[in-house]
């Protein structure tokens, strides 16, 4: 059974940082593109960042570019999202997605002003 488990969310003040992790089990992620999405209350799900299988290519939404960094450790079967200079508008449930079709359950990030 394939599982993606996010961790690292929480409550942080504006300007602070958090590091999210997405650990996969039941299947190796090392040949797949991985993605972080977020959904804020009352809004549609938004693609935040993408990383290809080797980590050589990344994509960021304009709203997070320069503040967030996606990375991966294929040996640990884990993807990360480093979030710096957080803003209240970054408040959302963050979920990871593997291009073999699996979602994590999500982790709440709340940024207070």
C-alpha atoms as a PDB file:
ATOM      1  CA  UNK A   1       0.000   0.000   0.000  1.00  0.00           C
ATOM      2  CA  UNK A   2       1.404   3.344  -1.088  1.00  0.00           C
ATOM      3  CA  UNK A   3       1.383   6.133   1.467  1.00  0.00           C
ATOM      4  CA  UNK A   4       2.563   9.715   1.396  1.00  0.00           C
ATOM      5  CA  UNK A   5       2.770  11.291   4.833  1.00  0.00           C
ATOM      6  CA  UNK A   6       3.339  15.008   5.279  1.00  0.00           C
ATOM      7  CA  UNK A   7       4.736  16.561   8.426  1.00  0.00           C
ATOM      8  CA  UNK A   8       6.210  19.830   9.605  1.00  0.00           C
ATOM      9  CA  UNK A   9       3.173  22.066   9.482  1.00  0.00           C
ATOM     10  CA  UNK A  10       2.141  24.308  12.309  1.00  0.00           C
ATOM     11  CA  UNK A  11       1.526  27.849  13.478  1.00  0.00           C
ATOM     12  CA  UNK A  12       4.169  30.468  12.740  1.00  0.00           C
ATOM     13  CA  UNK A  13       4.332  34.248  12.779  1.00  0.00           C
ATOM     14  CA  UNK A  14       4.641  36.207   9.582  1.00  0.00           C
ATOM     15  CA  UNK A  15       8.256  36.289   8.462  1.00  0.00           C
ATOM     16  CA  UNK A  16       8.972  32.910   9.978  1.00  0.00           C
ATOM     17  CA  UNK A  17       9.948  29.613   8.400  1.00  0.00           C
ATOM     18  CA  UNK A  18       8.721  26.052   8.267  1.00  0.00           C
ATOM     19  CA  UNK A  19      10.046  22.942   6.585  1.00  0.00           C
ATOM     20  CA  UNK A  20       7.524  20.435   5.330  1.00  0.00           C
ATOM     21  CA  UNK A  21       8.401  16.815   4.660  1.00  0.00           C
ATOM     22  CA  UNK A  22       6.595  14.243   2.546  1.00  0.00           C
ATOM     23  CA  UNK A  23       7.726  10.699   3.268  1.00  0.00           C
ATOM     24  CA  UNK A  24       6.688   7.930   0.913  1.00  0.00           C
ATOM     25  CA  UNK A  25       6.268   4.286   1.767  1.00  0.00           C
ATOM     26  CA  UNK A  26       5.159   1.293  -0.236  1.00  0.00           C
ATOM     27  CA  UNK A  27       6.679   2.600  -3.446  1.00  0.00           C
ATOM     28  CA  UNK A  28       9.883   4.339  -4.401  1.00  0.00           C
ATOM     29  CA  UNK A  29       9.558   7.910  -5.631  1.00  0.00           C
ATOM     30  CA  UNK A  30      12.983   8.172  -7.195  1.00  0.00           C
ATOM     31  CA  UNK A  31      11.779   7.997 -10.817  1.00  0.00           C
ATOM     32  CA  UNK A  32       8.817  10.347 -10.396  1.00  0.00           C
ATOM     33  CA  UNK A  33       8.107  14.028 -10.378  1.00  0.00           C
ATOM     34  CA  UNK A  34       6.819  15.183  -7.033  1.00  0.00           C
ATOM     35  CA  UNK A  35       4.596  18.185  -6.342  1.00  0.00           C
ATOM     36  CA  UNK A  36       3.395  20.297  -3.433  1.00  0.00           C
ATOM     37  CA  UNK A  37      -0.098  21.742  -3.576  1.00  0.00           C
ATOM     38  CA  UNK A  38      -2.000  23.901  -1.120  1.00  0.00           C
ATOM     39  CA  UNK A  39      -5.620  24.737  -0.502  1.00  0.00           C
ATOM     40  CA  UNK A  40      -6.606  27.789   1.460  1.00  0.00           C
ATOM     41  CA  UNK A  41     -10.089  28.128   2.969  1.00  0.00           C
ATOM     42  CA  UNK A  42     -12.596  29.093   0.301  1.00  0.00           C
ATOM     43  CA  UNK A  43     -10.056  28.837  -2.500  1.00  0.00           C
ATOM     44  CA  UNK A  44      -9.184  26.299  -5.155  1.00  0.00           C
ATOM     45  CA  UNK A  45      -6.218  24.003  -4.811  1.00  0.00           C
ATOM     46  CA  UNK A  46      -3.029  25.650  -6.031  1.00  0.00           C
ATOM     47  CA  UNK A  47       0.148  24.052  -7.345  1.00  0.00           C
ATOM     48  CA  UNK A  48       2.973  25.460  -5.248  1.00  0.00           C
ATOM     49  CA  UNK A  49       6.122  23.681  -6.424  1.00  0.00           C
ATOM     50  CA  UNK A  50       7.323  20.787  -8.545  1.00  0.00           C
ATOM     51  CA  UNK A  51      10.567  18.836  -8.677  1.00  0.00           C
ATOM     52  CA  UNK A  52      11.583  16.307 -11.288  1.00  0.00           C
ATOM     53  CA  UNK A  53      12.931  12.857 -10.472  1.00  0.00           C
ATOM     54  CA  UNK A  54      16.565  13.912 -10.197  1.00  0.00           C
ATOM     55  CA  UNK A  55      16.010  17.295  -8.616  1.00  0.00           C
ATOM     56  CA  UNK A  56      17.541  19.056 -11.595  1.00  0.00           C
ATOM     57  CA  UNK A  57      14.352  20.872 -12.584  1.00  0.00           C
ATOM     58  CA  UNK A  58      11.994  22.756 -10.312  1.00  0.00           C
ATOM     59  CA  UNK A  59       8.944  24.934 -10.761  1.00  0.00           C
ATOM     60  CA  UNK A  60       7.438  27.468  -8.385  1.00  0.00           C
ATOM     61  CA  UNK A  61       4.203  29.393  -8.382  1.00  0.00           C
ATOM     62  CA  UNK A  62       4.800  33.114  -8.716  1.00  0.00           C
ATOM     63  CA  UNK A  63       3.318  33.669  -5.280  1.00  0.00           C
ATOM     64  CA  UNK A  64       6.086  31.663  -3.573  1.00  0.00           C
ATOM     65  CA  UNK A  65       9.040  32.160  -5.899  1.00  0.00           C
ATOM     66  CA  UNK A  66      12.125  33.293  -4.009  1.00  0.00           C
ATOM     67  CA  UNK A  67      10.658  32.260  -0.650  1.00  0.00           C
ATOM     68  CA  UNK A  68      10.004  28.510  -0.991  1.00  0.00           C
ATOM     69  CA  UNK A  69      12.439  25.782  -2.004  1.00  0.00           C
ATOM     70  CA  UNK A  70      11.480  22.262  -3.008  1.00  0.00           C
ATOM     71  CA  UNK A  71      14.049  19.489  -2.677  1.00  0.00           C
ATOM     72  CA  UNK A  72      14.195  15.727  -2.457  1.00  0.00           C
ATOM     73  CA  UNK A  73      16.258  12.959  -0.966  1.00  0.00           C
ATOM     74  CA  UNK A  74      15.611   9.859  -3.025  1.00  0.00           C
ATOM     75  CA  UNK A  75      17.643   7.710  -0.645  1.00  0.00           C
ATOM     76  CA  UNK A  76      15.144   8.638   2.065  1.00  0.00           C
ATOM     77  CA  UNK A  77      12.142   8.491  -0.292  1.00  0.00           C
ATOM     78  CA  UNK A  78      11.254  11.981   0.910  1.00  0.00           C
ATOM     79  CA  UNK A  79      10.463  15.370  -0.578  1.00  0.00           C
ATOM     80  CA  UNK A  80      10.766  18.657   1.277  1.00  0.00           C
ATOM     81  CA  UNK A  81       9.361  22.144   1.043  1.00  0.00           C
ATOM     82  CA  UNK A  82      11.372  24.823   2.810  1.00  0.00           C
ATOM     83  CA  UNK A  83       9.175  27.853   3.361  1.00  0.00           C
ATOM     84  CA  UNK A  84      10.788  31.136   4.372  1.00  0.00           C
ATOM     85  CA  UNK A  85       9.448  34.654   4.815  1.00  0.00           C
ATOM     86  CA  UNK A  86       5.995  33.240   5.377  1.00  0.00           C
ATOM     87  CA  UNK A  87       2.980  35.477   4.901  1.00  0.00           C
ATOM     88  CA  UNK A  88      -0.561  35.187   6.259  1.00  0.00           C
ATOM     89  CA  UNK A  89      -1.723  34.422   2.719  1.00  0.00           C
ATOM     90  CA  UNK A  90       0.399  31.258   2.803  1.00  0.00           C
ATOM     91  CA  UNK A  91      -2.059  29.812   5.331  1.00  0.00           C
ATOM     92  CA  UNK A  92      -3.433  26.592   3.829  1.00  0.00           C
ATOM     93  CA  UNK A  93      -3.401  22.829   3.972  1.00  0.00           C
ATOM     94  CA  UNK A  94      -0.307  21.663   2.128  1.00  0.00           C
ATOM     95  CA  UNK A  95      -0.336  18.300   0.389  1.00  0.00           C
ATOM     96  CA  UNK A  96       2.230  16.398  -1.598  1.00  0.00           C
ATOM     97  CA  UNK A  97       1.483  14.496  -4.764  1.00  0.00           C
ATOM     98  CA  UNK A  98       3.469  11.828  -6.566  1.00  0.00           C
ATOM     99  CA  UNK A  99       3.097  11.543 -10.308  1.00  0.00           C
ATOM    100  CA  UNK A 100       2.240   7.872  -9.964  1.00  0.00           C
ATOM    101  CA  UNK A 101      -1.083   9.094  -8.675  1.00  0.00           C
ATOM    102  CA  UNK A 102      -0.871   9.282  -4.899  1.00  0.00           C
ATOM    103  CA  UNK A 103      -1.757  12.107  -2.514  1.00  0.00           C
ATOM    104  CA  UNK A 104      -0.765  12.700   1.048  1.00  0.00           C
ATOM    105  CA  UNK A 105      -3.323  13.604   3.699  1.00  0.00           C
ATOM    106  CA  UNK A 106      -2.068  17.152   4.074  1.00  0.00           C
ATOM    107  CA  UNK A 107      -0.564  19.251   6.833  1.00  0.00           C
ATOM    108  CA  UNK A 108      -1.939  22.551   8.095  1.00  0.00           C
ATOM    109  CA  UNK A 109       0.212  25.665   7.869  1.00  0.00           C
ATOM    110  CA  UNK A 110      -1.094  28.746   9.648  1.00  0.00           C
ATOM    111  CA  UNK A 111       0.739  32.057   9.441  1.00  0.00           C
ATOM    112  CA  UNK A 112      -0.324  34.745  11.890  1.00  0.00           C
ATOM    113  CA  UNK A 113       0.102  38.441  11.221  1.00  0.00           C
END
